[in-house]
């Protein structure tokens, strides 16, 4: 799963990944309990999604407990990898690959605070220093 373009988790898969990134390696039961706090989710539904994610290579699992009947699942993709891949897909799909259009649209939706403007300026300065034309 090293190629960012191949990472395309569904909304449900992303929710599971977020639980695993926050909690670390967990059982299906533990993940399901966290998911159910936000939206009632059946254990078998969570189990099925996690099995599919294992098959896709998004998760790994190890056996534990009596006769290895319990599995501990771990995210095999980093949060930053998924964020980059999803953002790239969004920019390409919605803004025809134009990062500037995304940023201009985002800044036009809500007036940034003075602190946010300063952070943006610093980021742009750093970007310009590291990428001279």
Protein backbone atom coordinates (compact mmCIF):
# COMPACT_ATOMS: atom_id res chain seq x y z
CA UNK A 1 0.00 0.00 0.00
CA UNK A 2 2.86 2.37 -0.61
CA UNK A 3 1.21 4.07 -3.58
CA UNK A 4 -1.05 6.89 -2.38
CA UNK A 5 -3.27 6.76 -5.45
CA UNK A 6 -4.37 3.21 -4.62
CA UNK A 7 -5.70 4.13 -1.17
CA UNK A 8 -9.43 4.64 -1.53
CA UNK A 9 -11.17 3.75 1.73
CA UNK A 10 -14.94 4.08 1.82
CA UNK A 11 -16.55 6.26 4.48
CA UNK A 12 -17.06 3.21 6.73
CA UNK A 13 -13.51 2.01 6.17
CA UNK A 14 -12.18 5.47 6.98
CA UNK A 15 -14.14 5.46 10.26
CA UNK A 16 -12.54 2.13 11.18
CA UNK A 17 -9.08 3.40 10.27
CA UNK A 18 -9.63 6.49 12.42
CA UNK A 19 -10.45 4.30 15.42
CA UNK A 20 -7.32 2.20 14.86
CA UNK A 21 -5.11 5.28 14.40
CA UNK A 22 -6.44 6.69 17.66
CA UNK A 23 -6.51 3.48 19.75
CA UNK A 24 -3.81 1.43 18.12
CA UNK A 25 -4.20 -2.31 17.49
CA UNK A 26 -7.71 -3.41 18.54
CA UNK A 27 -10.23 -6.22 18.32
CA UNK A 28 -13.37 -6.00 16.22
CA UNK A 29 -15.36 -5.69 19.45
CA UNK A 30 -13.30 -2.70 20.59
CA UNK A 31 -13.60 -0.97 17.22
CA UNK A 32 -17.32 -1.67 17.08
CA UNK A 33 -17.85 -0.18 20.56
CA UNK A 34 -16.17 3.08 19.50
CA UNK A 35 -18.09 3.25 16.20
CA UNK A 36 -21.38 2.57 18.00
CA UNK A 37 -20.88 5.62 20.23
CA UNK A 38 -21.44 7.80 17.17
CA UNK A 39 -23.81 5.66 15.11
CA UNK A 40 -25.36 2.30 16.04
CA UNK A 41 -23.32 -0.31 14.19
CA UNK A 42 -23.74 -4.07 14.30
CA UNK A 43 -20.79 -6.21 15.31
CA UNK A 44 -21.08 -8.39 12.20
CA UNK A 45 -21.08 -5.29 9.97
CA UNK A 46 -17.86 -4.06 11.58
CA UNK A 47 -16.37 -7.54 11.32
CA UNK A 48 -17.21 -7.80 7.61
CA UNK A 49 -15.71 -4.38 6.85
CA UNK A 50 -12.53 -5.22 8.75
CA UNK A 51 -12.20 -8.56 6.92
CA UNK A 52 -12.55 -6.75 3.58
CA UNK A 53 -9.99 -4.16 4.69
CA UNK A 54 -7.63 -6.98 5.65
CA UNK A 55 -8.06 -8.48 2.16
CA UNK A 56 -7.33 -5.05 0.61
CA UNK A 57 -4.17 -4.69 2.68
CA UNK A 58 -5.48 -1.72 4.68
CA UNK A 59 -5.31 -3.77 7.90
CA UNK A 60 -3.17 -6.57 9.27
CA UNK A 61 -4.26 -8.98 11.96
CA UNK A 62 -2.79 -11.35 14.48
CA UNK A 63 -4.51 -14.16 16.34
CA UNK A 64 -4.78 -14.27 20.09
CA UNK A 65 -6.89 -15.88 22.78
CA UNK A 66 -8.07 -19.46 23.12
CA UNK A 67 -7.45 -21.36 19.89
CA UNK A 68 -6.59 -18.10 18.12
CA UNK A 69 -10.25 -17.20 17.73
CA UNK A 70 -9.78 -13.53 18.50
CA UNK A 71 -7.96 -11.22 16.10
CA UNK A 72 -6.15 -7.99 16.81
CA UNK A 73 -6.31 -5.64 13.84
CA UNK A 74 -3.77 -2.94 13.04
CA UNK A 75 -3.87 -0.18 10.41
CA UNK A 76 -1.35 -0.87 7.65
CA UNK A 77 -1.66 2.60 6.16
CA UNK A 78 -0.58 5.77 7.87
CA UNK A 79 -3.08 8.51 8.54
CA UNK A 80 -1.01 10.97 6.51
CA UNK A 81 -0.95 8.57 3.51
CA UNK A 82 -4.73 8.37 3.51
CA UNK A 83 -5.15 12.13 3.97
CA UNK A 84 -2.83 12.81 1.03
CA UNK A 85 -4.51 10.25 -1.20
CA UNK A 86 -8.04 11.44 -0.42
CA UNK A 87 -7.07 15.08 -0.82
CA UNK A 88 -5.36 14.35 -4.16
CA UNK A 89 -8.47 12.53 -5.36
CA UNK A 90 -10.72 15.39 -4.19
CA UNK A 91 -8.58 18.07 -5.86
CA UNK A 92 -8.46 16.11 -9.12
CA UNK A 93 -12.18 15.30 -9.13
CA UNK A 94 -13.62 18.62 -7.97
CA UNK A 95 -11.03 21.21 -9.01
CA UNK A 96 -9.51 19.57 -12.11
CA UNK A 97 -6.21 19.18 -10.26
CA UNK A 98 -5.93 22.87 -9.33
CA UNK A 99 -4.64 23.28 -5.79
CA UNK A 100 -4.94 27.06 -6.07
CA UNK A 101 -8.66 26.79 -6.88
CA UNK A 102 -9.18 24.61 -3.81
CA UNK A 103 -7.36 27.08 -1.58
CA UNK A 104 -9.11 30.13 -3.01
CA UNK A 105 -12.50 28.43 -2.63
CA UNK A 106 -11.71 27.37 0.95
CA UNK A 107 -10.52 30.85 1.94
CA UNK A 108 -13.59 32.42 0.34
CA UNK A 109 -15.99 30.31 2.43
CA UNK A 110 -14.97 31.69 5.80
CA UNK A 111 -12.87 34.65 6.80
CA UNK A 112 -9.61 33.34 8.25
CA UNK A 113 -8.41 34.75 11.56
CA UNK A 114 -5.31 36.91 11.73
CA UNK A 115 -3.41 33.93 13.18
CA UNK A 116 -4.56 31.68 10.32
CA UNK A 117 -3.48 34.29 7.77
CA UNK A 118 -0.04 34.44 9.40
CA UNK A 119 0.22 30.63 9.32
CA UNK A 120 -0.74 30.61 5.64
CA UNK A 121 1.84 33.31 4.85
CA UNK A 122 4.55 31.36 6.68
CA UNK A 123 3.59 28.17 4.88
CA UNK A 124 3.71 29.92 1.50
CA UNK A 125 7.08 31.54 2.33
CA UNK A 126 8.50 28.14 3.33
CA UNK A 127 7.05 26.56 0.20
CA UNK A 128 8.59 29.24 -1.99
CA UNK A 129 12.02 28.88 -0.31
CA UNK A 130 11.98 25.09 -0.84
CA UNK A 131 10.68 25.28 -4.40
CA UNK A 132 12.43 28.18 -6.19
CA UNK A 133 11.27 28.84 -9.74
